[in-house]
Amino acid sequence: MLEENMDDLKKMARQMIIDGKTNEEIRKKTNLREKDVKKIQKEIISKF
């Protein structure tokens, strides 16, 4: 169950990054660590 929840949070964070939200907004809403948010950002950037 925890893994499913993390996947959902990461998907939400990914969408928020695409929508232009700040790291602070993403961290407050998803409770992800800053390290996780930056990792998602790198994944997105690497596709361009």
PDB file of N, CA and C in Angstrom:
ATOM      1  N   MET A   1       0.825  -1.196   0.000  1.00  0.00           N
ATOM      2  CA  MET A   1       0.000   0.000   0.000  1.00  0.00           C
ATOM      3  C   MET A   1       0.867   1.257   0.000  1.00  0.00           C
ATOM      4  N   LEU A   2       1.951   1.253   0.744  1.00  0.00           N
ATOM      5  CA  LEU A   2       2.819   2.413   0.817  1.00  0.00           C
ATOM      6  C   LEU A   2       3.441   2.722  -0.538  1.00  0.00           C
ATOM      7  N   GLU A   3       3.836   1.683  -1.271  1.00  0.00           N
ATOM      8  CA  GLU A   3       4.436   1.890  -2.585  1.00  0.00           C
ATOM      9  C   GLU A   3       3.431   2.506  -3.555  1.00  0.00           C
ATOM     10  N   GLU A   4       2.200   2.054  -3.504  1.00  0.00           N
ATOM     11  CA  GLU A   4       1.162   2.613  -4.372  1.00  0.00           C
ATOM     12  C   GLU A   4       0.947   4.085  -4.046  1.00  0.00           C
ATOM     13  N   ASN A   5       0.935   4.409  -2.761  1.00  0.00           N
ATOM     14  CA  ASN A   5       0.751   5.786  -2.336  1.00  0.00           C
ATOM     15  C   ASN A   5       1.920   6.645  -2.806  1.00  0.00           C
ATOM     16  N   MET A   6       3.152   6.150  -2.701  1.00  0.00           N
ATOM     17  CA  MET A   6       4.325   6.888  -3.154  1.00  0.00           C
ATOM     18  C   MET A   6       4.263   7.128  -4.650  1.00  0.00           C
ATOM     19  N   ASP A   7       3.839   6.127  -5.404  1.00  0.00           N
ATOM     20  CA  ASP A   7       3.710   6.291  -6.851  1.00  0.00           C
ATOM     21  C   ASP A   7       2.699   7.383  -7.184  1.00  0.00           C
ATOM     22  N   ASP A   8       1.593   7.396  -6.462  1.00  0.00           N
ATOM     23  CA  ASP A   8       0.573   8.420  -6.690  1.00  0.00           C
ATOM     24  C   ASP A   8       1.119   9.812  -6.352  1.00  0.00           C
ATOM     25  N   LEU A   9       1.856   9.902  -5.251  1.00  0.00           N
ATOM     26  CA  LEU A   9       2.435  11.189  -4.857  1.00  0.00           C
ATOM     27  C   LEU A   9       3.458  11.661  -5.880  1.00  0.00           C
ATOM     28  N   LYS A  10       4.247  10.733  -6.395  1.00  0.00           N
ATOM     29  CA  LYS A  10       5.249  11.100  -7.392  1.00  0.00           C
ATOM     30  C   LYS A  10       4.587  11.545  -8.693  1.00  0.00           C
ATOM     31  N   LYS A  11       3.499  10.889  -9.060  1.00  0.00           N
ATOM     32  CA  LYS A  11       2.758  11.312 -10.258  1.00  0.00           C
ATOM     33  C   LYS A  11       2.177  12.707 -10.060  1.00  0.00           C
ATOM     34  N   MET A  12       1.657  12.962  -8.868  1.00  0.00           N
ATOM     35  CA  MET A  12       1.102  14.271  -8.560  1.00  0.00           C
ATOM     36  C   MET A  12       2.212  15.329  -8.611  1.00  0.00           C
ATOM     37  N   ALA A  13       3.364  15.012  -8.033  1.00  0.00           N
ATOM     38  CA  ALA A  13       4.488  15.945  -8.040  1.00  0.00           C
ATOM     39  C   ALA A  13       4.964  16.199  -9.459  1.00  0.00           C
ATOM     40  N   ARG A  14       5.026  15.159 -10.273  1.00  0.00           N
ATOM     41  CA  ARG A  14       5.447  15.303 -11.673  1.00  0.00           C
ATOM     42  C   ARG A  14       4.510  16.263 -12.408  1.00  0.00           C
ATOM     43  N   GLN A  15       3.215  16.105 -12.201  1.00  0.00           N
ATOM     44  CA  GLN A  15       2.250  16.980 -12.858  1.00  0.00           C
ATOM     45  C   GLN A  15       2.380  18.414 -12.349  1.00  0.00           C
ATOM     46  N   MET A  16       2.629  18.571 -11.057  1.00  0.00           N
ATOM     47  CA  MET A  16       2.786  19.909 -10.492  1.00  0.00           C
ATOM     48  C   MET A  16       4.035  20.590 -11.060  1.00  0.00           C
ATOM     49  N   ILE A  17       5.109  19.831 -11.259  1.00  0.00           N
ATOM     50  CA  ILE A  17       6.324  20.384 -11.855  1.00  0.00           C
ATOM     51  C   ILE A  17       6.031  20.857 -13.272  1.00  0.00           C
ATOM     52  N   ILE A  18       5.336  20.040 -14.022  1.00  0.00           N
ATOM     53  CA  ILE A  18       4.980  20.393 -15.401  1.00  0.00           C
ATOM     54  C   ILE A  18       4.107  21.649 -15.417  1.00  0.00           C
ATOM     55  N   ASP A  19       3.242  21.782 -14.417  1.00  0.00           N
ATOM     56  CA  ASP A  19       2.356  22.946 -14.330  1.00  0.00           C
ATOM     57  C   ASP A  19       3.079  24.196 -13.825  1.00  0.00           C
ATOM     58  N   GLY A  20       4.338  24.045 -13.422  1.00  0.00           N
ATOM     59  CA  GLY A  20       5.135  25.204 -13.017  1.00  0.00           C
ATOM     60  C   GLY A  20       5.063  25.558 -11.542  1.00  0.00           C
ATOM     61  N   LYS A  21       4.648  24.633 -10.714  1.00  0.00           N
ATOM     62  CA  LYS A  21       4.596  24.898  -9.276  1.00  0.00           C
ATOM     63  C   LYS A  21       6.015  24.910  -8.704  1.00  0.00           C
ATOM     64  N   THR A  22       6.193  25.607  -7.590  1.00  0.00           N
ATOM     65  CA  THR A  22       7.513  25.675  -6.954  1.00  0.00           C
ATOM     66  C   THR A  22       7.770  24.407  -6.138  1.00  0.00           C
ATOM     67  N   ASN A  23       9.054  24.189  -5.843  1.00  0.00           N
ATOM     68  CA  ASN A  23       9.420  23.021  -5.035  1.00  0.00           C
ATOM     69  C   ASN A  23       8.729  23.059  -3.674  1.00  0.00           C
ATOM     70  N   GLU A  24       8.638  24.242  -3.097  1.00  0.00           N
ATOM     71  CA  GLU A  24       8.010  24.379  -1.777  1.00  0.00           C
ATOM     72  C   GLU A  24       6.536  23.989  -1.827  1.00  0.00           C
ATOM     73  N   GLU A  25       5.829  24.419  -2.864  1.00  0.00           N
ATOM     74  CA  GLU A  25       4.415  24.056  -3.016  1.00  0.00           C
ATOM     75  C   GLU A  25       4.268  22.546  -3.171  1.00  0.00           C
ATOM     76  N   ILE A  26       5.143  21.961  -3.959  1.00  0.00           N
ATOM     77  CA  ILE A  26       5.090  20.516  -4.197  1.00  0.00           C
ATOM     78  C   ILE A  26       5.355  19.758  -2.902  1.00  0.00           C
ATOM     79  N   ARG A  27       6.367  20.189  -2.165  1.00  0.00           N
ATOM     80  CA  ARG A  27       6.722  19.505  -0.914  1.00  0.00           C
ATOM     81  C   ARG A  27       5.609  19.608   0.126  1.00  0.00           C
ATOM     82  N   LYS A  28       4.960  20.753   0.193  1.00  0.00           N
ATOM     83  CA  LYS A  28       3.863  20.922   1.159  1.00  0.00           C
ATOM     84  C   LYS A  28       2.676  20.031   0.830  1.00  0.00           C
ATOM     85  N   LYS A  29       2.353  19.939  -0.461  1.00  0.00           N
ATOM     86  CA  LYS A  29       1.163  19.181  -0.867  1.00  0.00           C
ATOM     87  C   LYS A  29       1.404  17.668  -0.834  1.00  0.00           C
ATOM     88  N   THR A  30       2.603  17.218  -1.255  1.00  0.00           N
ATOM     89  CA  THR A  30       2.857  15.786  -1.383  1.00  0.00           C
ATOM     90  C   THR A  30       3.634  15.194  -0.209  1.00  0.00           C
ATOM     91  N   ASN A  31       4.254  16.048   0.596  1.00  0.00           N
ATOM     92  CA  ASN A  31       5.104  15.602   1.703  1.00  0.00           C
ATOM     93  C   ASN A  31       6.295  14.764   1.235  1.00  0.00           C
ATOM     94  N   LEU A  32       6.706  14.953  -0.010  1.00  0.00           N
ATOM     95  CA  LEU A  32       7.902  14.273  -0.509  1.00  0.00           C
ATOM     96  C   LEU A  32       9.139  15.035  -0.045  1.00  0.00           C
ATOM     97  N   ARG A  33      10.253  14.308   0.049  1.00  0.00           N
ATOM     98  CA  ARG A  33      11.508  14.948   0.411  1.00  0.00           C
ATOM     99  C   ARG A  33      12.002  15.794  -0.761  1.00  0.00           C
ATOM    100  N   GLU A  34      12.820  16.789  -0.439  1.00  0.00           N
ATOM    101  CA  GLU A  34      13.384  17.642  -1.480  1.00  0.00           C
ATOM    102  C   GLU A  34      14.186  16.809  -2.479  1.00  0.00           C
ATOM    103  N   LYS A  35      14.880  15.808  -1.967  1.00  0.00           N
ATOM    104  CA  LYS A  35      15.666  14.903  -2.813  1.00  0.00           C
ATOM    105  C   LYS A  35      14.767  14.212  -3.848  1.00  0.00           C
ATOM    106  N   ASP A  36      13.596  13.769  -3.435  1.00  0.00           N
ATOM    107  CA  ASP A  36      12.666  13.096  -4.346  1.00  0.00           C
ATOM    108  C   ASP A  36      12.140  14.055  -5.415  1.00  0.00           C
ATOM    109  N   VAL A  37      11.836  15.279  -5.005  1.00  0.00           N
ATOM    110  CA  VAL A  37      11.324  16.264  -5.958  1.00  0.00           C
ATOM    111  C   VAL A  37      12.384  16.582  -7.007  1.00  0.00           C
ATOM    112  N   LYS A  38      13.623  16.758  -6.561  1.00  0.00           N
ATOM    113  CA  LYS A  38      14.709  17.051  -7.505  1.00  0.00           C
ATOM    114  C   LYS A  38      14.955  15.885  -8.457  1.00  0.00           C
ATOM    115  N   LYS A  39      14.802  14.677  -7.959  1.00  0.00           N
ATOM    116  CA  LYS A  39      14.982  13.489  -8.811  1.00  0.00           C
ATOM    117  C   LYS A  39      13.912  13.462  -9.907  1.00  0.00           C
ATOM    118  N   ILE A  40      12.689  13.781  -9.558  1.00  0.00           N
ATOM    119  CA  ILE A  40      11.599  13.827 -10.539  1.00  0.00           C
ATOM    120  C   ILE A  40      11.883  14.918 -11.567  1.00  0.00           C
ATOM    121  N   GLN A  41      12.383  16.069 -11.104  1.00  0.00           N
ATOM    122  CA  GLN A  41      12.714  17.155 -12.024  1.00  0.00           C
ATOM    123  C   GLN A  41      13.775  16.708 -13.023  1.00  0.00           C
ATOM    124  N   LYS A  42      14.792  16.009 -12.547  1.00  0.00           N
ATOM    125  CA  LYS A  42      15.855  15.528 -13.433  1.00  0.00           C
ATOM    126  C   LYS A  42      15.309  14.546 -14.460  1.00  0.00           C
ATOM    127  N   GLU A  43      14.381  13.690 -14.051  1.00  0.00           N
ATOM    128  CA  GLU A  43      13.777  12.734 -14.984  1.00  0.00           C
ATOM    129  C   GLU A  43      13.038  13.467 -16.105  1.00  0.00           C
ATOM    130  N   ILE A  44      12.331  14.528 -15.733  1.00  0.00           N
ATOM    131  CA  ILE A  44      11.580  15.294 -16.722  1.00  0.00           C
ATOM    132  C   ILE A  44      12.536  16.006 -17.677  1.00  0.00           C
ATOM    133  N   ILE A  45      13.554  16.655 -17.118  1.00  0.00           N
ATOM    134  CA  ILE A  45      14.505  17.418 -17.928  1.00  0.00           C
ATOM    135  C   ILE A  45      15.277  16.515 -18.874  1.00  0.00           C
ATOM    136  N   SER A  46      15.597  15.304 -18.448  1.00  0.00           N
ATOM    137  CA  SER A  46      16.391  14.406 -19.279  1.00  0.00           C
ATOM    138  C   SER A  46      15.645  13.957 -20.544  1.00  0.00           C
ATOM    139  N   LYS A  47      14.330  14.116 -20.564  1.00  0.00           N
ATOM    140  CA  LYS A  47      13.539  13.709 -21.728  1.00  0.00           C
ATOM    141  C   LYS A  47      13.540  14.773 -22.822  1.00  0.00           C
ATOM    142  N   PHE A  48      14.096  15.965 -22.513  1.00  0.00           N
ATOM    143  CA  PHE A  48      14.120  17.036 -23.500  1.00  0.00           C
ATOM    144  C   PHE A  48      15.459  17.176 -24.097  1.00  0.00           C
TER     145      PHE A  48
END
